[in-house]
């Protein structure tokens, strides 16, 4: 999804690209990332269909 970019050795989330899938957490070598549910935030995709729909939507927004 390319939702994380590195700035001065710090991972920064691009909120326009993040779909809350948690993939970044599973591959973080230092285990420094975590998901936090926030009021009003979108819930991560439930299954493959929802994930695919979120991915397509994210790609369309990115242009």
PDB file of N, CA and C in Angstrom:
ATOM      1  N   UNK A   1       0.814  -1.185   0.000  1.00  0.00           N
ATOM      2  CA  UNK A   1       0.000   0.000   0.000  1.00  0.00           C
ATOM      3  C   UNK A   1       0.862   1.255   0.000  1.00  0.00           C
ATOM      4  N   UNK A   2       2.138   1.120   0.329  1.00  0.00           N
ATOM      5  CA  UNK A   2       3.038   2.274   0.406  1.00  0.00           C
ATOM      6  C   UNK A   2       2.506   3.343   1.354  1.00  0.00           C
ATOM      7  N   UNK A   3       1.939   2.922   2.465  1.00  0.00           N
ATOM      8  CA  UNK A   3       1.384   3.872   3.423  1.00  0.00           C
ATOM      9  C   UNK A   3       2.430   4.397   4.388  1.00  0.00           C
ATOM     10  N   UNK A   4       3.615   3.776   4.432  1.00  0.00           N
ATOM     11  CA  UNK A   4       4.681   4.253   5.302  1.00  0.00           C
ATOM     12  C   UNK A   4       5.826   4.795   4.456  1.00  0.00           C
ATOM     13  N   UNK A   5       6.340   5.939   4.884  1.00  0.00           N
ATOM     14  CA  UNK A   5       7.536   6.485   4.259  1.00  0.00           C
ATOM     15  C   UNK A   5       8.538   6.764   5.373  1.00  0.00           C
ATOM     16  N   UNK A   6       9.808   6.745   5.038  1.00  0.00           N
ATOM     17  CA  UNK A   6      10.850   7.005   6.027  1.00  0.00           C
ATOM     18  C   UNK A   6      11.294   8.455   5.935  1.00  0.00           C
ATOM     19  N   UNK A   7      11.310   9.130   7.075  1.00  0.00           N
ATOM     20  CA  UNK A   7      11.818  10.499   7.184  1.00  0.00           C
ATOM     21  C   UNK A   7      12.785  10.536   8.347  1.00  0.00           C
ATOM     22  N   UNK A   8      14.051  10.775   8.045  1.00  0.00           N
ATOM     23  CA  UNK A   8      15.084  10.830   9.089  1.00  0.00           C
ATOM     24  C   UNK A   8      15.070   9.576   9.964  1.00  0.00           C
ATOM     25  N   UNK A   9      15.023   8.407   9.319  1.00  0.00           N
ATOM     26  CA  UNK A   9      15.023   7.106  10.000  1.00  0.00           C
ATOM     27  C   UNK A   9      13.794   6.874  10.883  1.00  0.00           C
ATOM     28  N   UNK A  10      12.706   7.587  10.613  1.00  0.00           N
ATOM     29  CA  UNK A  10      11.460   7.404  11.352  1.00  0.00           C
ATOM     30  C   UNK A  10      10.358   7.081  10.344  1.00  0.00           C
ATOM     31  N   UNK A  11       9.585   6.021  10.627  1.00  0.00           N
ATOM     32  CA  UNK A  11       8.467   5.645   9.753  1.00  0.00           C
ATOM     33  C   UNK A  11       7.306   6.608   9.995  1.00  0.00           C
ATOM     34  N   UNK A  12       6.800   7.182   8.899  1.00  0.00           N
ATOM     35  CA  UNK A  12       5.687   8.115   8.971  1.00  0.00           C
ATOM     36  C   UNK A  12       4.556   7.567   8.112  1.00  0.00           C
ATOM     37  N   UNK A  13       3.354   7.533   8.661  1.00  0.00           N
ATOM     38  CA  UNK A  13       2.193   6.981   7.960  1.00  0.00           C
ATOM     39  C   UNK A  13       1.563   8.031   7.056  1.00  0.00           C
ATOM     40  N   UNK A  14       1.263   7.629   5.833  1.00  0.00           N
ATOM     41  CA  UNK A  14       0.514   8.468   4.901  1.00  0.00           C
ATOM     42  C   UNK A  14      -0.951   8.113   5.104  1.00  0.00           C
ATOM     43  N   UNK A  15      -1.677   8.967   5.793  1.00  0.00           N
ATOM     44  CA  UNK A  15      -3.065   8.669   6.164  1.00  0.00           C
ATOM     45  C   UNK A  15      -3.960   8.486   4.942  1.00  0.00           C
ATOM     46  N   UNK A  16      -3.589   9.063   3.796  1.00  0.00           N
ATOM     47  CA  UNK A  16      -4.382   8.909   2.578  1.00  0.00           C
ATOM     48  C   UNK A  16      -4.242   7.510   1.981  1.00  0.00           C
ATOM     49  N   UNK A  17      -3.147   6.819   2.278  1.00  0.00           N
ATOM     50  CA  UNK A  17      -2.917   5.493   1.709  1.00  0.00           C
ATOM     51  C   UNK A  17      -3.177   4.359   2.705  1.00  0.00           C
ATOM     52  N   UNK A  18      -3.124   4.656   3.990  1.00  0.00           N
ATOM     53  CA  UNK A  18      -3.298   3.625   5.018  1.00  0.00           C
ATOM     54  C   UNK A  18      -4.744   3.135   5.045  1.00  0.00           C
ATOM     55  N   UNK A  19      -4.910   1.802   4.997  1.00  0.00           N
ATOM     56  CA  UNK A  19      -6.251   1.219   5.084  1.00  0.00           C
ATOM     57  C   UNK A  19      -6.434   0.435   6.385  1.00  0.00           C
ATOM     58  N   UNK A  20      -5.441   0.492   7.254  1.00  0.00           N
ATOM     59  CA  UNK A  20      -5.560  -0.168   8.550  1.00  0.00           C
ATOM     60  C   UNK A  20      -5.423  -1.669   8.510  1.00  0.00           C
ATOM     61  N   UNK A  21      -4.730  -2.199   7.510  1.00  0.00           N
ATOM     62  CA  UNK A  21      -4.620  -3.652   7.360  1.00  0.00           C
ATOM     63  C   UNK A  21      -3.643  -4.287   8.350  1.00  0.00           C
ATOM     64  N   UNK A  22      -2.695  -3.494   8.867  1.00  0.00           N
ATOM     65  CA  UNK A  22      -1.729  -4.015   9.822  1.00  0.00           C
ATOM     66  C   UNK A  22      -0.531  -4.700   9.205  1.00  0.00           C
ATOM     67  N   UNK A  23      -0.416  -4.704   7.896  1.00  0.00           N
ATOM     68  CA  UNK A  23       0.720  -5.357   7.235  1.00  0.00           C
ATOM     69  C   UNK A  23       2.044  -4.759   7.703  1.00  0.00           C
ATOM     70  N   UNK A  24       2.093  -3.455   7.891  1.00  0.00           N
ATOM     71  CA  UNK A  24       3.330  -2.806   8.323  1.00  0.00           C
ATOM     72  C   UNK A  24       3.786  -3.347   9.678  1.00  0.00           C
ATOM     73  N   UNK A  25       2.841  -3.664  10.530  1.00  0.00           N
ATOM     74  CA  UNK A  25       3.171  -4.195  11.849  1.00  0.00           C
ATOM     75  C   UNK A  25       3.827  -5.561  11.732  1.00  0.00           C
ATOM     76  N   UNK A  26       3.301  -6.369  10.824  1.00  0.00           N
ATOM     77  CA  UNK A  26       3.818  -7.734  10.690  1.00  0.00           C
ATOM     78  C   UNK A  26       5.224  -7.787  10.099  1.00  0.00           C
ATOM     79  N   UNK A  27       5.648  -6.738   9.428  1.00  0.00           N
ATOM     80  CA  UNK A  27       6.982  -6.753   8.808  1.00  0.00           C
ATOM     81  C   UNK A  27       7.968  -5.802   9.477  1.00  0.00           C
ATOM     82  N   UNK A  28       7.549  -5.090  10.502  1.00  0.00           N
ATOM     83  CA  UNK A  28       8.441  -4.146  11.177  1.00  0.00           C
ATOM     84  C   UNK A  28       9.530  -4.905  11.918  1.00  0.00           C
ATOM     85  N   UNK A  29      10.809  -4.698  11.542  1.00  0.00           N
ATOM     86  CA  UNK A  29      11.892  -5.463  12.156  1.00  0.00           C
ATOM     87  C   UNK A  29      12.140  -5.121  13.628  1.00  0.00           C
ATOM     88  N   UNK A  30      11.713  -3.940  14.067  1.00  0.00           N
ATOM     89  CA  UNK A  30      11.958  -3.544  15.458  1.00  0.00           C
ATOM     90  C   UNK A  30      10.712  -3.654  16.336  1.00  0.00           C
ATOM     91  N   UNK A  31       9.598  -4.090  15.742  1.00  0.00           N
ATOM     92  CA  UNK A  31       8.325  -4.210  16.459  1.00  0.00           C
ATOM     93  C   UNK A  31       7.918  -2.886  17.102  1.00  0.00           C
ATOM     94  N   UNK A  32       8.219  -1.776  16.433  1.00  0.00           N
ATOM     95  CA  UNK A  32       7.943  -0.444  16.970  1.00  0.00           C
ATOM     96  C   UNK A  32       6.543   0.050  16.605  1.00  0.00           C
ATOM     97  N   UNK A  33       5.840  -0.672  15.739  1.00  0.00           N
ATOM     98  CA  UNK A  33       4.523  -0.222  15.284  1.00  0.00           C
ATOM     99  C   UNK A  33       3.418  -1.001  15.979  1.00  0.00           C
ATOM    100  N   UNK A  34       2.251  -0.351  16.106  1.00  0.00           N
ATOM    101  CA  UNK A  34       1.076  -1.026  16.664  1.00  0.00           C
ATOM    102  C   UNK A  34      -0.173  -0.339  16.115  1.00  0.00           C
ATOM    103  N   UNK A  35      -1.267  -1.070  16.080  1.00  0.00           N
ATOM    104  CA  UNK A  35      -2.549  -0.506  15.669  1.00  0.00           C
ATOM    105  C   UNK A  35      -3.273  -0.013  16.908  1.00  0.00           C
ATOM    106  N   UNK A  36      -3.856   1.163  16.811  1.00  0.00           N
ATOM    107  CA  UNK A  36      -4.665   1.697  17.886  1.00  0.00           C
ATOM    108  C   UNK A  36      -6.016   2.074  17.302  1.00  0.00           C
ATOM    109  N   UNK A  37      -7.069   1.508  17.851  1.00  0.00           N
ATOM    110  CA  UNK A  37      -8.409   1.884  17.414  1.00  0.00           C
ATOM    111  C   UNK A  37      -8.723   3.267  17.953  1.00  0.00           C
ATOM    112  N   UNK A  38      -9.232   4.111  17.083  1.00  0.00           N
ATOM    113  CA  UNK A  38      -9.565   5.468  17.480  1.00  0.00           C
ATOM    114  C   UNK A  38     -11.016   5.764  17.128  1.00  0.00           C
ATOM    115  N   UNK A  39     -11.645   6.565  17.950  1.00  0.00           N
ATOM    116  CA  UNK A  39     -13.033   6.926  17.716  1.00  0.00           C
ATOM    117  C   UNK A  39     -13.185   7.568  16.343  1.00  0.00           C
ATOM    118  N   UNK A  40     -14.134   7.074  15.586  1.00  0.00           N
ATOM    119  CA  UNK A  40     -14.389   7.613  14.258  1.00  0.00           C
ATOM    120  C   UNK A  40     -13.503   7.043  13.168  1.00  0.00           C
ATOM    121  N   UNK A  41     -12.540   6.216  13.536  1.00  0.00           N
ATOM    122  CA  UNK A  41     -11.632   5.638  12.539  1.00  0.00           C
ATOM    123  C   UNK A  41     -12.297   4.463  11.834  1.00  0.00           C
ATOM    124  N   UNK A  42     -11.882   4.236  10.612  1.00  0.00           N
ATOM    125  CA  UNK A  42     -12.382   3.082   9.874  1.00  0.00           C
ATOM    126  C   UNK A  42     -11.846   1.796  10.486  1.00  0.00           C
ATOM    127  N   UNK A  43     -12.662   0.777  10.497  1.00  0.00           N
ATOM    128  CA  UNK A  43     -12.260  -0.534  11.001  1.00  0.00           C
ATOM    129  C   UNK A  43     -11.506  -1.257   9.889  1.00  0.00           C
ATOM    130  N   UNK A  44     -10.393  -1.952  10.220  1.00  0.00           N
ATOM    131  CA  UNK A  44      -9.656  -2.677   9.182  1.00  0.00           C
ATOM    132  C   UNK A  44     -10.553  -3.678   8.452  1.00  0.00           C
ATOM    133  N   UNK A  45     -10.222  -3.982   7.210  1.00  0.00           N
ATOM    134  CA  UNK A  45     -11.031  -4.927   6.420  1.00  0.00           C
ATOM    135  C   UNK A  45     -11.211  -6.258   7.146  1.00  0.00           C
ATOM    136  N   UNK A  46     -12.419  -6.803   7.049  1.00  0.00           N
ATOM    137  CA  UNK A  46     -12.761  -8.045   7.734  1.00  0.00           C
ATOM    138  C   UNK A  46     -12.256  -9.275   6.996  1.00  0.00           C
ATOM    139  N   UNK A  47     -12.347  -9.273   5.678  1.00  0.00           N
ATOM    140  CA  UNK A  47     -11.963 -10.444   4.903  1.00  0.00           C
ATOM    141  C   UNK A  47     -11.310 -10.005   3.597  1.00  0.00           C
ATOM    142  N   UNK A  48     -10.999 -10.963   2.743  1.00  0.00           N
ATOM    143  CA  UNK A  48     -10.301 -10.650   1.490  1.00  0.00           C
ATOM    144  C   UNK A  48     -11.113  -9.730   0.588  1.00  0.00           C
ATOM    145  N   UNK A  49     -12.411  -9.929   0.563  1.00  0.00           N
ATOM    146  CA  UNK A  49     -13.257  -9.082  -0.285  1.00  0.00           C
ATOM    147  C   UNK A  49     -13.184  -7.625   0.177  1.00  0.00           C
ATOM    148  N   UNK A  50     -13.341  -7.411   1.481  1.00  0.00           N
ATOM    149  CA  UNK A  50     -13.262  -6.049   2.009  1.00  0.00           C
ATOM    150  C   UNK A  50     -11.867  -5.469   1.817  1.00  0.00           C
ATOM    151  N   UNK A  51     -10.846  -6.304   1.973  1.00  0.00           N
ATOM    152  CA  UNK A  51      -9.476  -5.839   1.769  1.00  0.00           C
ATOM    153  C   UNK A  51      -9.273  -5.401   0.323  1.00  0.00           C
ATOM    154  N   UNK A  52      -9.755  -6.210  -0.614  1.00  0.00           N
ATOM    155  CA  UNK A  52      -9.623  -5.884  -2.034  1.00  0.00           C
ATOM    156  C   UNK A  52     -10.346  -4.576  -2.346  1.00  0.00           C
ATOM    157  N   UNK A  53     -11.548  -4.408  -1.812  1.00  0.00           N
ATOM    158  CA  UNK A  53     -12.307  -3.177  -2.048  1.00  0.00           C
ATOM    159  C   UNK A  53     -11.575  -1.966  -1.474  1.00  0.00           C
ATOM    160  N   UNK A  54     -11.005  -2.108  -0.293  1.00  0.00           N
ATOM    161  CA  UNK A  54     -10.256  -1.008   0.337  1.00  0.00           C
ATOM    162  C   UNK A  54      -9.009  -0.682  -0.482  1.00  0.00           C
ATOM    163  N   UNK A  55      -8.361  -1.722  -0.998  1.00  0.00           N
ATOM    164  CA  UNK A  55      -7.154  -1.512  -1.795  1.00  0.00           C
ATOM    165  C   UNK A  55      -7.475  -0.763  -3.083  1.00  0.00           C
ATOM    166  N   UNK A  56      -8.518  -1.182  -3.764  1.00  0.00           N
ATOM    167  CA  UNK A  56      -8.932  -0.525  -5.007  1.00  0.00           C
ATOM    168  C   UNK A  56      -9.298   0.932  -4.730  1.00  0.00           C
ATOM    169  N   UNK A  57     -10.032   1.173  -3.673  1.00  0.00           N
ATOM    170  CA  UNK A  57     -10.419   2.531  -3.300  1.00  0.00           C
ATOM    171  C   UNK A  57      -9.200   3.395  -3.017  1.00  0.00           C
ATOM    172  N   UNK A  58      -8.229   2.839  -2.286  1.00  0.00           N
ATOM    173  CA  UNK A  58      -7.022   3.564  -1.956  1.00  0.00           C
ATOM    174  C   UNK A  58      -6.221   3.906  -3.214  1.00  0.00           C
ATOM    175  N   UNK A  59      -6.123   2.957  -4.121  1.00  0.00           N
ATOM    176  CA  UNK A  59      -5.386   3.192  -5.366  1.00  0.00           C
ATOM    177  C   UNK A  59      -6.076   4.230  -6.227  1.00  0.00           C
ATOM    178  N   UNK A  60      -7.398   4.232  -6.231  1.00  0.00           N
ATOM    179  CA  UNK A  60      -8.140   5.226  -7.012  1.00  0.00           C
ATOM    180  C   UNK A  60      -7.935   6.629  -6.437  1.00  0.00           C
ATOM    181  N   UNK A  61      -7.904   6.737  -5.108  1.00  0.00           N
ATOM    182  CA  UNK A  61      -7.675   8.040  -4.485  1.00  0.00           C
ATOM    183  C   UNK A  61      -6.269   8.557  -4.797  1.00  0.00           C
ATOM    184  N   UNK A  62      -5.309   7.640  -4.888  1.00  0.00           N
ATOM    185  CA  UNK A  62      -3.916   8.029  -5.133  1.00  0.00           C
ATOM    186  C   UNK A  62      -3.717   8.488  -6.573  1.00  0.00           C
ATOM    187  N   UNK A  63      -4.637   8.115  -7.435  1.00  0.00           N
ATOM    188  CA  UNK A  63      -4.557   8.559  -8.832  1.00  0.00           C
ATOM    189  C   UNK A  63      -3.871   7.580  -9.665  1.00  0.00           C
TER     190      UNK A  63
END
